[in-house]
Amino acid sequence: MYNSRKRIPVEYPTEMTAIWSCTKDDCNGWMRQRYSFEDSPVCAQCGSPMEACEKELPILYDSGLDRKAAEKNSKTKDPEPDGPLDDRT
């Protein structure tokens, strides 16, 4: 049977983000400056030069090693006991 419940859309936090935007009027290509490898990239869709501007986009959180390193540093390790482990008197 078809489940017809409507899901509530999730509101993601946004911020003004620096992007590269295509200069060609017919093209809507853009990319985040943080994830580009060149100082003045060309559009991947049409090959035109791109210009720096800003756009309100959802916040992307760093993942991978940065997140794992932060989690590792935030956890404190239990100090090792000074005596033997089986000393239960």
N, C-alpha and C. Protein backbone atom coordinates (compact mmCIF):
# COMPACT_ATOMS: atom_id res chain seq x y z
N MET A 1 0.84 -1.16 0.00
CA MET A 1 0.00 0.00 0.00
C MET A 1 0.89 1.24 0.00
N TYR A 2 0.48 2.27 -0.66
CA TYR A 2 1.24 3.50 -0.79
C TYR A 2 1.13 4.33 0.49
N ASN A 3 2.26 4.75 0.99
CA ASN A 3 2.29 5.58 2.18
C ASN A 3 2.23 7.04 1.75
N SER A 4 1.17 7.72 2.05
CA SER A 4 0.98 9.08 1.54
C SER A 4 1.31 10.17 2.56
N ARG A 5 2.02 9.85 3.62
CA ARG A 5 2.38 10.87 4.59
C ARG A 5 3.38 11.84 3.97
N LYS A 6 3.14 13.08 4.20
CA LYS A 6 4.07 14.09 3.70
C LYS A 6 5.17 14.31 4.74
N ARG A 7 6.37 14.32 4.27
CA ARG A 7 7.50 14.54 5.16
C ARG A 7 7.71 16.04 5.36
N ILE A 8 8.09 16.39 6.55
CA ILE A 8 8.38 17.78 6.85
C ILE A 8 9.76 18.11 6.28
N PRO A 9 9.87 19.17 5.47
CA PRO A 9 11.18 19.49 4.91
C PRO A 9 12.14 19.93 6.01
N VAL A 10 13.39 19.52 5.86
CA VAL A 10 14.42 19.84 6.84
C VAL A 10 15.03 21.19 6.49
N GLU A 11 15.12 22.06 7.48
CA GLU A 11 15.73 23.37 7.29
C GLU A 11 17.21 23.28 7.67
N TYR A 12 18.10 23.41 6.70
CA TYR A 12 19.53 23.36 6.95
C TYR A 12 20.03 24.78 7.19
N PRO A 13 20.98 24.97 8.12
CA PRO A 13 21.52 26.32 8.34
C PRO A 13 22.31 26.78 7.11
N THR A 14 22.17 28.05 6.78
CA THR A 14 22.85 28.60 5.61
C THR A 14 23.77 29.75 6.02
N GLU A 15 24.68 30.10 5.12
CA GLU A 15 25.57 31.24 5.32
C GLU A 15 25.99 31.78 3.96
N MET A 16 26.43 33.03 3.94
CA MET A 16 26.95 33.61 2.71
C MET A 16 28.30 32.96 2.43
N THR A 17 28.44 32.38 1.25
CA THR A 17 29.61 31.59 0.89
C THR A 17 30.27 32.19 -0.34
N ALA A 18 31.59 32.29 -0.32
CA ALA A 18 32.34 32.77 -1.48
C ALA A 18 32.32 31.69 -2.56
N ILE A 19 31.93 32.09 -3.77
CA ILE A 19 31.85 31.14 -4.89
C ILE A 19 32.50 31.73 -6.12
N TRP A 20 32.74 30.86 -7.10
CA TRP A 20 33.10 31.27 -8.46
C TRP A 20 31.85 31.09 -9.29
N SER A 21 31.46 32.13 -10.03
CA SER A 21 30.26 32.07 -10.86
C SER A 21 30.65 32.31 -12.32
N CYS A 22 30.02 31.57 -13.22
CA CYS A 22 30.33 31.68 -14.65
C CYS A 22 29.91 33.06 -15.16
N THR A 23 30.74 33.65 -16.02
CA THR A 23 30.46 34.98 -16.56
C THR A 23 29.52 34.95 -17.77
N LYS A 24 29.33 33.79 -18.37
CA LYS A 24 28.46 33.68 -19.53
C LYS A 24 26.99 33.75 -19.08
N ASP A 25 26.19 34.57 -19.76
CA ASP A 25 24.79 34.78 -19.37
C ASP A 25 23.95 33.52 -19.49
N ASP A 26 24.22 32.68 -20.48
CA ASP A 26 23.41 31.49 -20.71
C ASP A 26 23.74 30.35 -19.75
N CYS A 27 24.87 30.43 -19.07
CA CYS A 27 25.34 29.34 -18.21
C CYS A 27 25.05 29.67 -16.75
N ASN A 28 24.64 28.67 -15.98
CA ASN A 28 24.39 28.88 -14.55
C ASN A 28 25.42 28.15 -13.69
N GLY A 29 26.60 27.88 -14.21
CA GLY A 29 27.63 27.15 -13.48
C GLY A 29 28.24 27.97 -12.35
N TRP A 30 28.52 27.31 -11.24
CA TRP A 30 29.20 27.93 -10.11
C TRP A 30 29.87 26.84 -9.28
N MET A 31 30.83 27.24 -8.44
CA MET A 31 31.48 26.30 -7.51
C MET A 31 31.94 27.09 -6.29
N ARG A 32 32.05 26.40 -5.17
CA ARG A 32 32.55 27.04 -3.95
C ARG A 32 34.04 27.33 -4.11
N GLN A 33 34.45 28.53 -3.71
CA GLN A 33 35.87 28.88 -3.81
C GLN A 33 36.73 27.98 -2.95
N ARG A 34 36.21 27.53 -1.85
CA ARG A 34 36.97 26.69 -0.93
C ARG A 34 37.35 25.35 -1.57
N TYR A 35 36.57 24.90 -2.52
CA TYR A 35 36.82 23.60 -3.14
C TYR A 35 37.39 23.70 -4.56
N SER A 36 37.87 24.88 -4.95
CA SER A 36 38.49 25.02 -6.27
C SER A 36 40.01 24.96 -6.11
N PHE A 37 40.67 24.46 -7.13
CA PHE A 37 42.12 24.29 -7.07
C PHE A 37 42.87 25.42 -7.75
N GLU A 38 42.18 26.26 -8.52
CA GLU A 38 42.83 27.31 -9.29
C GLU A 38 42.47 28.68 -8.73
N ASP A 39 43.34 29.67 -8.99
CA ASP A 39 43.07 31.03 -8.54
C ASP A 39 42.01 31.73 -9.39
N SER A 40 41.94 31.39 -10.66
CA SER A 40 40.90 31.93 -11.54
C SER A 40 40.44 30.79 -12.46
N PRO A 41 39.49 29.98 -12.00
CA PRO A 41 39.08 28.80 -12.76
C PRO A 41 38.21 29.15 -13.96
N VAL A 42 38.08 28.19 -14.86
CA VAL A 42 37.15 28.30 -15.98
C VAL A 42 35.96 27.39 -15.69
N CYS A 43 34.83 27.73 -16.26
CA CYS A 43 33.60 26.98 -16.03
C CYS A 43 33.73 25.56 -16.59
N ALA A 44 33.36 24.58 -15.79
CA ALA A 44 33.43 23.18 -16.22
C ALA A 44 32.35 22.85 -17.24
N GLN A 45 31.28 23.65 -17.28
CA GLN A 45 30.18 23.36 -18.20
C GLN A 45 30.38 23.98 -19.58
N CYS A 46 30.88 25.24 -19.62
CA CYS A 46 30.98 25.90 -20.92
C CYS A 46 32.39 26.39 -21.26
N GLY A 47 33.31 26.39 -20.29
CA GLY A 47 34.68 26.81 -20.56
C GLY A 47 34.93 28.30 -20.46
N SER A 48 33.93 29.09 -20.06
CA SER A 48 34.09 30.53 -19.90
C SER A 48 34.81 30.85 -18.60
N PRO A 49 35.41 32.04 -18.51
CA PRO A 49 36.05 32.42 -17.24
C PRO A 49 35.00 32.60 -16.15
N MET A 50 35.44 32.49 -14.90
CA MET A 50 34.53 32.64 -13.77
C MET A 50 34.95 33.84 -12.94
N GLU A 51 33.97 34.46 -12.25
CA GLU A 51 34.24 35.61 -11.41
C GLU A 51 33.85 35.30 -9.97
N ALA A 52 34.53 35.96 -9.04
CA ALA A 52 34.26 35.74 -7.62
C ALA A 52 33.01 36.51 -7.20
N CYS A 53 32.14 35.85 -6.44
CA CYS A 53 30.96 36.49 -5.86
C CYS A 53 30.51 35.67 -4.66
N GLU A 54 29.36 36.00 -4.10
CA GLU A 54 28.85 35.29 -2.92
C GLU A 54 27.45 34.79 -3.18
N LYS A 55 27.12 33.69 -2.49
CA LYS A 55 25.80 33.08 -2.63
C LYS A 55 25.44 32.47 -1.28
N GLU A 56 24.16 32.54 -0.90
CA GLU A 56 23.72 31.93 0.35
C GLU A 56 23.50 30.44 0.11
N LEU A 57 24.32 29.63 0.80
CA LEU A 57 24.31 28.18 0.61
C LEU A 57 24.27 27.47 1.96
N PRO A 58 23.82 26.21 1.96
CA PRO A 58 23.88 25.43 3.20
C PRO A 58 25.32 25.27 3.67
N ILE A 59 25.50 25.25 4.96
CA ILE A 59 26.83 25.10 5.54
C ILE A 59 27.30 23.67 5.35
N LEU A 60 28.52 23.51 4.83
CA LEU A 60 29.13 22.20 4.71
C LEU A 60 30.15 22.06 5.82
N TYR A 61 30.02 21.01 6.60
CA TYR A 61 30.96 20.75 7.68
C TYR A 61 32.07 19.87 7.16
N ASP A 62 33.30 20.16 7.60
CA ASP A 62 34.44 19.36 7.19
C ASP A 62 34.26 17.94 7.66
N SER A 63 34.60 17.01 6.81
CA SER A 63 34.49 15.61 7.19
C SER A 63 35.84 14.94 6.99
N GLY A 64 35.90 13.69 7.32
CA GLY A 64 37.12 12.94 7.10
C GLY A 64 38.10 13.10 8.23
N LEU A 65 39.36 13.32 7.89
CA LEU A 65 40.42 13.34 8.88
C LEU A 65 40.27 14.48 9.88
N ASP A 66 39.82 15.65 9.42
CA ASP A 66 39.68 16.78 10.33
C ASP A 66 38.68 16.46 11.43
N ARG A 67 37.54 15.89 11.07
CA ARG A 67 36.52 15.56 12.05
C ARG A 67 37.01 14.47 12.99
N LYS A 68 37.66 13.45 12.42
CA LYS A 68 38.15 12.35 13.25
C LYS A 68 39.23 12.84 14.21
N ALA A 69 40.09 13.73 13.76
CA ALA A 69 41.13 14.26 14.63
C ALA A 69 40.52 15.09 15.75
N ALA A 70 39.50 15.87 15.43
CA ALA A 70 38.84 16.68 16.45
C ALA A 70 38.17 15.80 17.50
N GLU A 71 37.52 14.72 17.05
CA GLU A 71 36.87 13.81 17.99
C GLU A 71 37.91 13.12 18.87
N LYS A 72 39.03 12.76 18.27
CA LYS A 72 40.08 12.07 19.02
C LYS A 72 40.67 13.00 20.08
N ASN A 73 40.87 14.26 19.72
CA ASN A 73 41.45 15.22 20.66
C ASN A 73 40.47 15.60 21.76
N SER A 74 39.18 15.56 21.48
CA SER A 74 38.19 15.95 22.47
C SER A 74 37.98 14.87 23.53
N LYS A 75 38.24 13.62 23.18
CA LYS A 75 38.08 12.53 24.14
C LYS A 75 39.32 12.46 25.02
N THR A 76 39.09 12.27 26.30
CA THR A 76 40.23 12.11 27.21
C THR A 76 40.37 10.64 27.54
N LYS A 77 41.59 10.18 27.51
CA LYS A 77 41.85 8.77 27.82
C LYS A 77 41.91 8.59 29.32
N ASP A 78 41.42 7.45 29.80
CA ASP A 78 41.51 7.12 31.21
C ASP A 78 42.96 6.79 31.53
N PRO A 79 43.47 7.32 32.63
CA PRO A 79 44.85 6.98 32.99
C PRO A 79 44.93 5.52 33.40
N GLU A 80 46.05 4.91 33.10
CA GLU A 80 46.24 3.50 33.44
C GLU A 80 46.42 3.37 34.95
N PRO A 81 45.89 2.31 35.53
CA PRO A 81 46.07 2.13 36.98
C PRO A 81 47.53 1.89 37.32
N ASP A 82 47.90 2.33 38.52
CA ASP A 82 49.29 2.18 38.96
C ASP A 82 49.61 0.76 39.40
N GLY A 83 48.61 0.06 39.95
CA GLY A 83 48.85 -1.27 40.49
C GLY A 83 48.37 -2.34 39.54
N PRO A 84 48.43 -3.60 39.99
CA PRO A 84 47.97 -4.71 39.15
C PRO A 84 46.46 -4.64 38.95
N LEU A 85 46.00 -5.18 37.83
CA LEU A 85 44.59 -5.12 37.48
C LEU A 85 43.73 -6.03 38.35
N ASP A 86 44.28 -7.15 38.82
CA ASP A 86 43.49 -8.12 39.58
C ASP A 86 43.57 -7.90 41.09
N ASP A 87 44.03 -6.78 41.52
CA ASP A 87 44.16 -6.50 42.95
C ASP A 87 42.81 -5.99 43.48
N ARG A 88 41.95 -6.91 43.89
CA ARG A 88 40.61 -6.54 44.38
C ARG A 88 40.47 -6.97 45.83
N THR A 89 40.99 -6.21 46.73
CA THR A 89 40.89 -6.58 48.14
C THR A 89 40.04 -5.63 48.92
